[in-house]
Amino acid sequence: MEANNMEAMREALAKIYELMTADCPADEVEIANICFQALSSHPRNCDVGTAEEQLTRYIAECRLHHCNNCPLGNNQREYGIYWSQIPYVAEEGTVK
């Protein structure tokens, strides 16, 4: 299983660190569940590829939807920020 969503991974590591350094450390099952949830999180667009590859995917998405049908709303200045945070969709159209 590969790491996908870096935000989820960081939150999981912070939670695990907190559990392991507490007066009464968590058990292995609780820690394994936290790890599994983080590893199972879908990557966001900002988690996949180089900046150049992300820009290419973003432009392709914009061309696909056009402004009046954009699933991200109607504020052009914020499109890129919203797009970077939504789940990454592979070329075959499935969320990875």
PDB file of N, CA and C in Angstrom:
ATOM      1  N   MET A   1       0.862  -1.182   0.000  1.00  0.00           N
ATOM      2  CA  MET A   1       0.000   0.000   0.000  1.00  0.00           C
ATOM      3  C   MET A   1       0.902   1.237   0.000  1.00  0.00           C
ATOM      4  N   GLU A   2       0.650   2.171  -0.887  1.00  0.00           N
ATOM      5  CA  GLU A   2       1.485   3.361  -0.958  1.00  0.00           C
ATOM      6  C   GLU A   2       0.798   4.544  -0.285  1.00  0.00           C
ATOM      7  N   ALA A   3       1.589   5.489   0.183  1.00  0.00           N
ATOM      8  CA  ALA A   3       1.048   6.696   0.795  1.00  0.00           C
ATOM      9  C   ALA A   3       0.388   7.537  -0.290  1.00  0.00           C
ATOM     10  N   ASN A   4      -0.750   8.095   0.024  1.00  0.00           N
ATOM     11  CA  ASN A   4      -1.493   8.863  -0.966  1.00  0.00           C
ATOM     12  C   ASN A   4      -1.688  10.311  -0.557  1.00  0.00           C
ATOM     13  N   ASN A   5      -2.432  10.538   0.477  1.00  0.00           N
ATOM     14  CA  ASN A   5      -2.823  11.876   0.879  1.00  0.00           C
ATOM     15  C   ASN A   5      -1.854  12.354   1.965  1.00  0.00           C
ATOM     16  N   MET A   6      -0.968  13.289   1.603  1.00  0.00           N
ATOM     17  CA  MET A   6       0.065  13.734   2.530  1.00  0.00           C
ATOM     18  C   MET A   6      -0.514  14.431   3.757  1.00  0.00           C
ATOM     19  N   GLU A   7      -1.636  15.122   3.617  1.00  0.00           N
ATOM     20  CA  GLU A   7      -2.274  15.752   4.763  1.00  0.00           C
ATOM     21  C   GLU A   7      -2.733  14.690   5.758  1.00  0.00           C
ATOM     22  N   ALA A   8      -3.355  13.635   5.255  1.00  0.00           N
ATOM     23  CA  ALA A   8      -3.816  12.550   6.123  1.00  0.00           C
ATOM     24  C   ALA A   8      -2.630  11.843   6.777  1.00  0.00           C
ATOM     25  N   MET A   9      -1.536  11.671   6.031  1.00  0.00           N
ATOM     26  CA  MET A   9      -0.351  11.023   6.587  1.00  0.00           C
ATOM     27  C   MET A   9       0.235  11.850   7.732  1.00  0.00           C
ATOM     28  N   ARG A  10       0.321  13.147   7.547  1.00  0.00           N
ATOM     29  CA  ARG A  10       0.874  14.005   8.602  1.00  0.00           C
ATOM     30  C   ARG A  10      -0.009  13.984   9.839  1.00  0.00           C
ATOM     31  N   GLU A  11      -1.318  14.055   9.652  1.00  0.00           N
ATOM     32  CA  GLU A  11      -2.243  14.005  10.793  1.00  0.00           C
ATOM     33  C   GLU A  11      -2.123  12.671  11.530  1.00  0.00           C
ATOM     34  N   ALA A  12      -1.986  11.576  10.772  1.00  0.00           N
ATOM     35  CA  ALA A  12      -1.855  10.255  11.387  1.00  0.00           C
ATOM     36  C   ALA A  12      -0.561  10.165  12.194  1.00  0.00           C
ATOM     37  N   LEU A  13       0.540  10.655  11.638  1.00  0.00           N
ATOM     38  CA  LEU A  13       1.809  10.609  12.363  1.00  0.00           C
ATOM     39  C   LEU A  13       1.767  11.443  13.631  1.00  0.00           C
ATOM     40  N   ALA A  14       1.125  12.596  13.565  1.00  0.00           N
ATOM     41  CA  ALA A  14       0.995  13.433  14.755  1.00  0.00           C
ATOM     42  C   ALA A  14       0.170  12.716  15.823  1.00  0.00           C
ATOM     43  N   LYS A  15      -0.905  12.069  15.401  1.00  0.00           N
ATOM     44  CA  LYS A  15      -1.757  11.335  16.335  1.00  0.00           C
ATOM     45  C   LYS A  15      -1.004  10.153  16.945  1.00  0.00           C
ATOM     46  N   ILE A  16      -0.262   9.426  16.117  1.00  0.00           N
ATOM     47  CA  ILE A  16       0.521   8.282  16.609  1.00  0.00           C
ATOM     48  C   ILE A  16       1.590   8.752  17.590  1.00  0.00           C
ATOM     49  N   TYR A  17       2.266   9.831  17.258  1.00  0.00           N
ATOM     50  CA  TYR A  17       3.290  10.371  18.158  1.00  0.00           C
ATOM     51  C   TYR A  17       2.675  10.719  19.511  1.00  0.00           C
ATOM     52  N   GLU A  18       1.527  11.385  19.474  1.00  0.00           N
ATOM     53  CA  GLU A  18       0.832  11.761  20.705  1.00  0.00           C
ATOM     54  C   GLU A  18       0.453  10.520  21.518  1.00  0.00           C
ATOM     55  N   LEU A  19      -0.060   9.494  20.825  1.00  0.00           N
ATOM     56  CA  LEU A  19      -0.445   8.264  21.518  1.00  0.00           C
ATOM     57  C   LEU A  19       0.757   7.534  22.111  1.00  0.00           C
ATOM     58  N   MET A  20       1.864   7.537  21.407  1.00  0.00           N
ATOM     59  CA  MET A  20       3.044   6.808  21.867  1.00  0.00           C
ATOM     60  C   MET A  20       3.781   7.515  23.002  1.00  0.00           C
ATOM     61  N   THR A  21       3.642   8.818  23.090  1.00  0.00           N
ATOM     62  CA  THR A  21       4.345   9.568  24.130  1.00  0.00           C
ATOM     63  C   THR A  21       3.454   9.892  25.319  1.00  0.00           C
ATOM     64  N   ALA A  22       2.221   9.447  25.316  1.00  0.00           N
ATOM     65  CA  ALA A  22       1.298   9.671  26.432  1.00  0.00           C
ATOM     66  C   ALA A  22       1.723   8.818  27.625  1.00  0.00           C
ATOM     67  N   ASP A  23       1.197   9.148  28.804  1.00  0.00           N
ATOM     68  CA  ASP A  23       1.501   8.378  30.015  1.00  0.00           C
ATOM     69  C   ASP A  23       1.114   6.914  29.863  1.00  0.00           C
ATOM     70  N   CYS A  24       0.017   6.665  29.144  1.00  0.00           N
ATOM     71  CA  CYS A  24      -0.460   5.300  28.914  1.00  0.00           C
ATOM     72  C   CYS A  24      -0.532   5.104  27.400  1.00  0.00           C
ATOM     73  N   PRO A  25       0.562   4.629  26.779  1.00  0.00           N
ATOM     74  CA  PRO A  25       0.602   4.512  25.309  1.00  0.00           C
ATOM     75  C   PRO A  25      -0.526   3.655  24.732  1.00  0.00           C
ATOM     76  N   ALA A  26      -0.917   3.977  23.514  1.00  0.00           N
ATOM     77  CA  ALA A  26      -1.979   3.243  22.818  1.00  0.00           C
ATOM     78  C   ALA A  26      -1.501   1.848  22.461  1.00  0.00           C
ATOM     79  N   ASP A  27      -2.449   0.960  22.194  1.00  0.00           N
ATOM     80  CA  ASP A  27      -2.071  -0.396  21.785  1.00  0.00           C
ATOM     81  C   ASP A  27      -1.821  -0.449  20.276  1.00  0.00           C
ATOM     82  N   GLU A  28      -1.254  -1.552  19.835  1.00  0.00           N
ATOM     83  CA  GLU A  28      -0.871  -1.711  18.430  1.00  0.00           C
ATOM     84  C   GLU A  28      -2.062  -1.669  17.483  1.00  0.00           C
ATOM     85  N   VAL A  29      -3.211  -2.178  17.910  1.00  0.00           N
ATOM     86  CA  VAL A  29      -4.395  -2.206  17.055  1.00  0.00           C
ATOM     87  C   VAL A  29      -4.871  -0.786  16.758  1.00  0.00           C
ATOM     88  N   GLU A  30      -4.885   0.063  17.770  1.00  0.00           N
ATOM     89  CA  GLU A  30      -5.305   1.459  17.575  1.00  0.00           C
ATOM     90  C   GLU A  30      -4.350   2.172  16.617  1.00  0.00           C
ATOM     91  N   ILE A  31      -3.065   1.950  16.791  1.00  0.00           N
ATOM     92  CA  ILE A  31      -2.074   2.580  15.918  1.00  0.00           C
ATOM     93  C   ILE A  31      -2.191   2.026  14.498  1.00  0.00           C
ATOM     94  N   ALA A  32      -2.394   0.733  14.351  1.00  0.00           N
ATOM     95  CA  ALA A  32      -2.569   0.139  13.025  1.00  0.00           C
ATOM     96  C   ALA A  32      -3.790   0.711  12.323  1.00  0.00           C
ATOM     97  N   ASN A  33      -4.880   0.933  13.044  1.00  0.00           N
ATOM     98  CA  ASN A  33      -6.092   1.518  12.453  1.00  0.00           C
ATOM     99  C   ASN A  33      -5.844   2.940  11.970  1.00  0.00           C
ATOM    100  N   ILE A  34      -5.115   3.727  12.757  1.00  0.00           N
ATOM    101  CA  ILE A  34      -4.787   5.096  12.345  1.00  0.00           C
ATOM    102  C   ILE A  34      -3.958   5.067  11.062  1.00  0.00           C
ATOM    103  N   CYS A  35      -2.969   4.179  11.017  1.00  0.00           N
ATOM    104  CA  CYS A  35      -2.118   4.051   9.820  1.00  0.00           C
ATOM    105  C   CYS A  35      -2.933   3.637   8.603  1.00  0.00           C
ATOM    106  N   PHE A  36      -3.801   2.648   8.773  1.00  0.00           N
ATOM    107  CA  PHE A  36      -4.610   2.161   7.661  1.00  0.00           C
ATOM    108  C   PHE A  36      -5.510   3.266   7.106  1.00  0.00           C
ATOM    109  N   GLN A  37      -6.145   4.026   7.995  1.00  0.00           N
ATOM    110  CA  GLN A  37      -7.016   5.118   7.539  1.00  0.00           C
ATOM    111  C   GLN A  37      -6.231   6.143   6.732  1.00  0.00           C
ATOM    112  N   ALA A  38      -5.040   6.495   7.200  1.00  0.00           N
ATOM    113  CA  ALA A  38      -4.227   7.479   6.475  1.00  0.00           C
ATOM    114  C   ALA A  38      -3.770   6.921   5.129  1.00  0.00           C
ATOM    115  N   LEU A  39      -3.348   5.673   5.118  1.00  0.00           N
ATOM    116  CA  LEU A  39      -2.884   5.062   3.870  1.00  0.00           C
ATOM    117  C   LEU A  39      -4.017   4.843   2.877  1.00  0.00           C
ATOM    118  N   SER A  40      -5.235   4.738   3.367  1.00  0.00           N
ATOM    119  CA  SER A  40      -6.393   4.509   2.499  1.00  0.00           C
ATOM    120  C   SER A  40      -6.994   5.796   1.956  1.00  0.00           C
ATOM    121  N   SER A  41      -6.572   6.934   2.471  1.00  0.00           N
ATOM    122  CA  SER A  41      -7.112   8.218   2.013  1.00  0.00           C
ATOM    123  C   SER A  41      -6.743   8.452   0.555  1.00  0.00           C
ATOM    124  N   HIS A  42      -7.696   8.936  -0.212  1.00  0.00           N
ATOM    125  CA  HIS A  42      -7.440   9.222  -1.624  1.00  0.00           C
ATOM    126  C   HIS A  42      -6.466  10.386  -1.746  1.00  0.00           C
ATOM    127  N   PRO A  43      -5.537  10.318  -2.693  1.00  0.00           N
ATOM    128  CA  PRO A  43      -4.640  11.449  -2.903  1.00  0.00           C
ATOM    129  C   PRO A  43      -5.420  12.635  -3.460  1.00  0.00           C
ATOM    130  N   ARG A  44      -4.922  13.814  -3.149  1.00  0.00           N
ATOM    131  CA  ARG A  44      -5.477  15.027  -3.740  1.00  0.00           C
ATOM    132  C   ARG A  44      -4.646  15.371  -4.966  1.00  0.00           C
ATOM    133  N   ASN A  45      -5.112  16.266  -5.789  1.00  0.00           N
ATOM    134  CA  ASN A  45      -4.360  16.650  -6.984  1.00  0.00           C
ATOM    135  C   ASN A  45      -2.958  17.149  -6.629  1.00  0.00           C
ATOM    136  N   CYS A  46      -2.820  17.851  -5.498  1.00  0.00           N
ATOM    137  CA  CYS A  46      -1.509  18.376  -5.109  1.00  0.00           C
ATOM    138  C   CYS A  46      -0.565  17.283  -4.630  1.00  0.00           C
ATOM    139  N   ASP A  47      -1.070  16.072  -4.379  1.00  0.00           N
ATOM    140  CA  ASP A  47      -0.236  14.961  -3.921  1.00  0.00           C
ATOM    141  C   ASP A  47       0.352  14.154  -5.074  1.00  0.00           C
ATOM    142  N   VAL A  48      -0.070  14.419  -6.309  1.00  0.00           N
ATOM    143  CA  VAL A  48       0.311  13.569  -7.440  1.00  0.00           C
ATOM    144  C   VAL A  48       1.060  14.375  -8.495  1.00  0.00           C
ATOM    145  N   GLY A  49       2.271  13.935  -8.806  1.00  0.00           N
ATOM    146  CA  GLY A  49       3.025  14.524  -9.908  1.00  0.00           C
ATOM    147  C   GLY A  49       3.799  15.780  -9.536  1.00  0.00           C
ATOM    148  N   THR A  50       4.552  16.245 -10.512  1.00  0.00           N
ATOM    149  CA  THR A  50       5.331  17.475 -10.361  1.00  0.00           C
ATOM    150  C   THR A  50       4.404  18.680 -10.563  1.00  0.00           C
ATOM    151  N   ALA A  51       4.913  19.856 -10.283  1.00  0.00           N
ATOM    152  CA  ALA A  51       4.125  21.070 -10.493  1.00  0.00           C
ATOM    153  C   ALA A  51       3.716  21.201 -11.960  1.00  0.00           C
ATOM    154  N   GLU A  52       4.630  20.853 -12.858  1.00  0.00           N
ATOM    155  CA  GLU A  52       4.331  20.932 -14.287  1.00  0.00           C
ATOM    156  C   GLU A  52       3.218  19.947 -14.673  1.00  0.00           C
ATOM    157  N   GLU A  53       3.281  18.725 -14.144  1.00  0.00           N
ATOM    158  CA  GLU A  53       2.251  17.721 -14.431  1.00  0.00           C
ATOM    159  C   GLU A  53       0.898  18.145 -13.845  1.00  0.00           C
ATOM    160  N   GLN A  54       0.931  18.733 -12.656  1.00  0.00           N
ATOM    161  CA  GLN A  54      -0.306  19.215 -12.043  1.00  0.00           C
ATOM    162  C   GLN A  54      -0.932  20.322 -12.874  1.00  0.00           C
ATOM    163  N   LEU A  55      -0.114  21.241 -13.359  1.00  0.00           N
ATOM    164  CA  LEU A  55      -0.617  22.333 -14.195  1.00  0.00           C
ATOM    165  C   LEU A  55      -1.238  21.790 -15.474  1.00  0.00           C
ATOM    166  N   THR A  56      -0.606  20.804 -16.077  1.00  0.00           N
ATOM    167  CA  THR A  56      -1.147  20.184 -17.293  1.00  0.00           C
ATOM    168  C   THR A  56      -2.513  19.564 -17.018  1.00  0.00           C
ATOM    169  N   ARG A  57      -2.651  18.839 -15.895  1.00  0.00           N
ATOM    170  CA  ARG A  57      -3.941  18.223 -15.539  1.00  0.00           C
ATOM    171  C   ARG A  57      -4.992  19.286 -15.236  1.00  0.00           C
ATOM    172  N   TYR A  58      -4.585  20.360 -14.555  1.00  0.00           N
ATOM    173  CA  TYR A  58      -5.510  21.441 -14.213  1.00  0.00           C
ATOM    174  C   TYR A  58      -6.049  22.116 -15.475  1.00  0.00           C
ATOM    175  N   ILE A  59      -5.174  22.414 -16.420  1.00  0.00           N
ATOM    176  CA  ILE A  59      -5.595  23.049 -17.678  1.00  0.00           C
ATOM    177  C   ILE A  59      -6.526  22.118 -18.445  1.00  0.00           C
ATOM    178  N   ALA A  60      -6.209  20.833 -18.479  1.00  0.00           N
ATOM    179  CA  ALA A  60      -7.078  19.858 -19.161  1.00  0.00           C
ATOM    180  C   ALA A  60      -8.453  19.815 -18.502  1.00  0.00           C
ATOM    181  N   GLU A  61      -8.504  19.869 -17.183  1.00  0.00           N
ATOM    182  CA  GLU A  61      -9.779  19.875 -16.451  1.00  0.00           C
ATOM    183  C   GLU A  61     -10.584  21.128 -16.794  1.00  0.00           C
ATOM    184  N   CYS A  62      -9.914  22.270 -16.846  1.00  0.00           N
ATOM    185  CA  CYS A  62     -10.608  23.529 -17.183  1.00  0.00           C
ATOM    186  C   CYS A  62     -11.183  23.477 -18.598  1.00  0.00           C
ATOM    187  N   ARG A  63     -10.416  22.949 -19.526  1.00  0.00           N
ATOM    188  CA  ARG A  63     -10.890  22.847 -20.908  1.00  0.00           C
ATOM    189  C   ARG A  63     -12.068  21.897 -21.023  1.00  0.00           C
ATOM    190  N   LEU A  64     -12.080  20.870 -20.196  1.00  0.00           N
ATOM    191  CA  LEU A  64     -13.151  19.875 -20.220  1.00  0.00           C
ATOM    192  C   LEU A  64     -14.484  20.463 -19.756  1.00  0.00           C
ATOM    193  N   HIS A  65     -14.449  21.285 -18.721  1.00  0.00           N
ATOM    194  CA  HIS A  65     -15.690  21.779 -18.106  1.00  0.00           C
ATOM    195  C   HIS A  65     -16.124  23.165 -18.572  1.00  0.00           C
ATOM    196  N   HIS A  66     -15.233  23.961 -19.073  1.00  0.00           N
ATOM    197  CA  HIS A  66     -15.514  25.348 -19.454  1.00  0.00           C
ATOM    198  C   HIS A  66     -16.025  26.120 -18.238  1.00  0.00           C
ATOM    199  N   CYS A  67     -15.977  27.403 -18.269  1.00  0.00           N
ATOM    200  CA  CYS A  67     -16.292  28.215 -17.093  1.00  0.00           C
ATOM    201  C   CYS A  67     -17.705  28.036 -16.555  1.00  0.00           C
ATOM    202  N   ASN A  68     -18.694  28.022 -17.401  1.00  0.00           N
ATOM    203  CA  ASN A  68     -20.071  27.968 -16.904  1.00  0.00           C
ATOM    204  C   ASN A  68     -20.482  26.588 -16.398  1.00  0.00           C
ATOM    205  N   ASN A  69     -19.697  25.552 -16.639  1.00  0.00           N
ATOM    206  CA  ASN A  69     -20.005  24.216 -16.129  1.00  0.00           C
ATOM    207  C   ASN A  69     -18.985  23.733 -15.116  1.00  0.00           C
ATOM    208  N   CYS A  70     -18.155  24.605 -14.598  1.00  0.00           N
ATOM    209  CA  CYS A  70     -17.069  24.203 -13.711  1.00  0.00           C
ATOM    210  C   CYS A  70     -17.622  23.683 -12.385  1.00  0.00           C
ATOM    211  N   PRO A  71     -17.199  22.469 -11.978  1.00  0.00           N
ATOM    212  CA  PRO A  71     -17.656  21.911 -10.714  1.00  0.00           C
ATOM    213  C   PRO A  71     -17.062  22.621  -9.507  1.00  0.00           C
ATOM    214  N   LEU A  72     -16.098  23.511  -9.734  1.00  0.00           N
ATOM    215  CA  LEU A  72     -15.446  24.200  -8.628  1.00  0.00           C
ATOM    216  C   LEU A  72     -16.072  25.541  -8.297  1.00  0.00           C
ATOM    217  N   GLY A  73     -17.079  25.949  -8.996  1.00  0.00           N
ATOM    218  CA  GLY A  73     -17.713  27.225  -8.691  1.00  0.00           C
ATOM    219  C   GLY A  73     -17.433  28.278  -9.737  1.00  0.00           C
ATOM    220  N   ASN A  74     -17.578  29.521  -9.347  1.00  0.00           N
ATOM    221  CA  ASN A  74     -17.523  30.598 -10.323  1.00  0.00           C
ATOM    222  C   ASN A  74     -16.458  31.650 -10.011  1.00  0.00           C
ATOM    223  N   ASN A  75     -15.547  31.399  -9.082  1.00  0.00           N
ATOM    224  CA  ASN A  75     -14.519  32.372  -8.735  1.00  0.00           C
ATOM    225  C   ASN A  75     -13.198  31.955  -9.367  1.00  0.00           C
ATOM    226  N   GLN A  76     -12.845  32.564 -10.472  1.00  0.00           N
ATOM    227  CA  GLN A  76     -11.667  32.149 -11.241  1.00  0.00           C
ATOM    228  C   GLN A  76     -10.369  32.216 -10.454  1.00  0.00           C
ATOM    229  N   ARG A  77     -10.211  33.165  -9.559  1.00  0.00           N
ATOM    230  CA  ARG A  77      -8.964  33.289  -8.807  1.00  0.00           C
ATOM    231  C   ARG A  77      -8.727  32.098  -7.884  1.00  0.00           C
ATOM    232  N   GLU A  78      -9.793  31.465  -7.441  1.00  0.00           N
ATOM    233  CA  GLU A  78      -9.655  30.382  -6.478  1.00  0.00           C
ATOM    234  C   GLU A  78      -9.696  28.993  -7.116  1.00  0.00           C
ATOM    235  N   TYR A  79      -9.945  28.877  -8.398  1.00  0.00           N
ATOM    236  CA  TYR A  79     -10.059  27.570  -9.059  1.00  0.00           C
ATOM    237  C   TYR A  79      -8.865  26.659  -8.778  1.00  0.00           C
ATOM    238  N   GLY A  80      -7.670  27.163  -8.997  1.00  0.00           N
ATOM    239  CA  GLY A  80      -6.482  26.347  -8.829  1.00  0.00           C
ATOM    240  C   GLY A  80      -6.306  25.830  -7.419  1.00  0.00           C
ATOM    241  N   ILE A  81      -6.641  26.657  -6.455  1.00  0.00           N
ATOM    242  CA  ILE A  81      -6.519  26.234  -5.055  1.00  0.00           C
ATOM    243  C   ILE A  81      -7.526  25.141  -4.749  1.00  0.00           C
ATOM    244  N   TYR A  82      -8.763  25.328  -5.141  1.00  0.00           N
ATOM    245  CA  TYR A  82      -9.776  24.289  -4.917  1.00  0.00           C
ATOM    246  C   TYR A  82      -9.410  23.003  -5.660  1.00  0.00           C
ATOM    247  N   TRP A  83      -9.002  23.124  -6.893  1.00  0.00           N
ATOM    248  CA  TRP A  83      -8.657  21.957  -7.699  1.00  0.00           C
ATOM    249  C   TRP A  83      -7.546  21.153  -7.044  1.00  0.00           C
ATOM    250  N   SER A  84      -6.564  21.839  -6.483  1.00  0.00           N
ATOM    251  CA  SER A  84      -5.432  21.127  -5.893  1.00  0.00           C
ATOM    252  C   SER A  84      -5.838  20.303  -4.675  1.00  0.00           C
ATOM    253  N   GLN A  85      -6.944  20.661  -4.042  1.00  0.00           N
ATOM    254  CA  GLN A  85      -7.377  19.965  -2.831  1.00  0.00           C
ATOM    255  C   GLN A  85      -8.408  18.864  -3.070  1.00  0.00           C
ATOM    256  N   ILE A  86      -8.988  18.797  -4.258  1.00  0.00           N
ATOM    257  CA  ILE A  86      -9.990  17.755  -4.517  1.00  0.00           C
ATOM    258  C   ILE A  86      -9.294  16.450  -4.882  1.00  0.00           C
ATOM    259  N   PRO A  87      -9.987  15.309  -4.749  1.00  0.00           N
ATOM    260  CA  PRO A  87      -9.358  14.020  -5.033  1.00  0.00           C
ATOM    261  C   PRO A  87      -8.813  13.937  -6.452  1.00  0.00           C
ATOM    262  N   TYR A  88      -7.637  13.334  -6.552  1.00  0.00           N
ATOM    263  CA  TYR A  88      -6.997  13.093  -7.833  1.00  0.00           C
ATOM    264  C   TYR A  88      -7.794  12.050  -8.603  1.00  0.00           C
ATOM    265  N   VAL A  89      -8.070  12.334  -9.861  1.00  0.00           N
ATOM    266  CA  VAL A  89      -8.764  11.391 -10.732  1.00  0.00           C
ATOM    267  C   VAL A  89      -7.799  10.990 -11.831  1.00  0.00           C
ATOM    268  N   ALA A  90      -7.513   9.698 -11.902  1.00  0.00           N
ATOM    269  CA  ALA A  90      -6.578   9.192 -12.908  1.00  0.00           C
ATOM    270  C   ALA A  90      -7.177   9.354 -14.301  1.00  0.00           C
ATOM    271  N   GLU A  91      -6.346   9.192 -15.295  1.00  0.00           N
ATOM    272  CA  GLU A  91      -6.782   9.378 -16.684  1.00  0.00           C
ATOM    273  C   GLU A  91      -7.954   8.515 -17.058  1.00  0.00           C
ATOM    274  N   GLU A  92      -8.067   7.316 -16.463  1.00  0.00           N
ATOM    275  CA  GLU A  92      -9.184   6.445 -16.798  1.00  0.00           C
ATOM    276  C   GLU A  92     -10.469   6.870 -16.082  1.00  0.00           C
ATOM    277  N   GLY A  93     -10.422   7.996 -15.326  1.00  0.00           N
ATOM    278  CA  GLY A  93     -11.621   8.554 -14.719  1.00  0.00           C
ATOM    279  C   GLY A  93     -11.958   8.025 -13.348  1.00  0.00           C
ATOM    280  N   THR A  94     -11.036   7.306 -12.710  1.00  0.00           N
ATOM    281  CA  THR A  94     -11.315   6.782 -11.383  1.00  0.00           C
ATOM    282  C   THR A  94     -10.499   7.540 -10.340  1.00  0.00           C
ATOM    283  N   VAL A  95     -11.086   7.740  -9.176  1.00  0.00           N
ATOM    284  CA  VAL A  95     -10.372   8.358  -8.076  1.00  0.00           C
ATOM    285  C   VAL A  95      -9.350   7.360  -7.585  1.00  0.00           C
ATOM    286  N   LYS A  96      -8.140   7.798  -7.459  1.00  0.00           N
ATOM    287  CA  LYS A  96      -7.061   6.903  -7.002  1.00  0.00           C
ATOM    288  C   LYS A  96      -6.870   7.012  -5.514  1.00  0.00           C
TER     289      LYS A  96
END
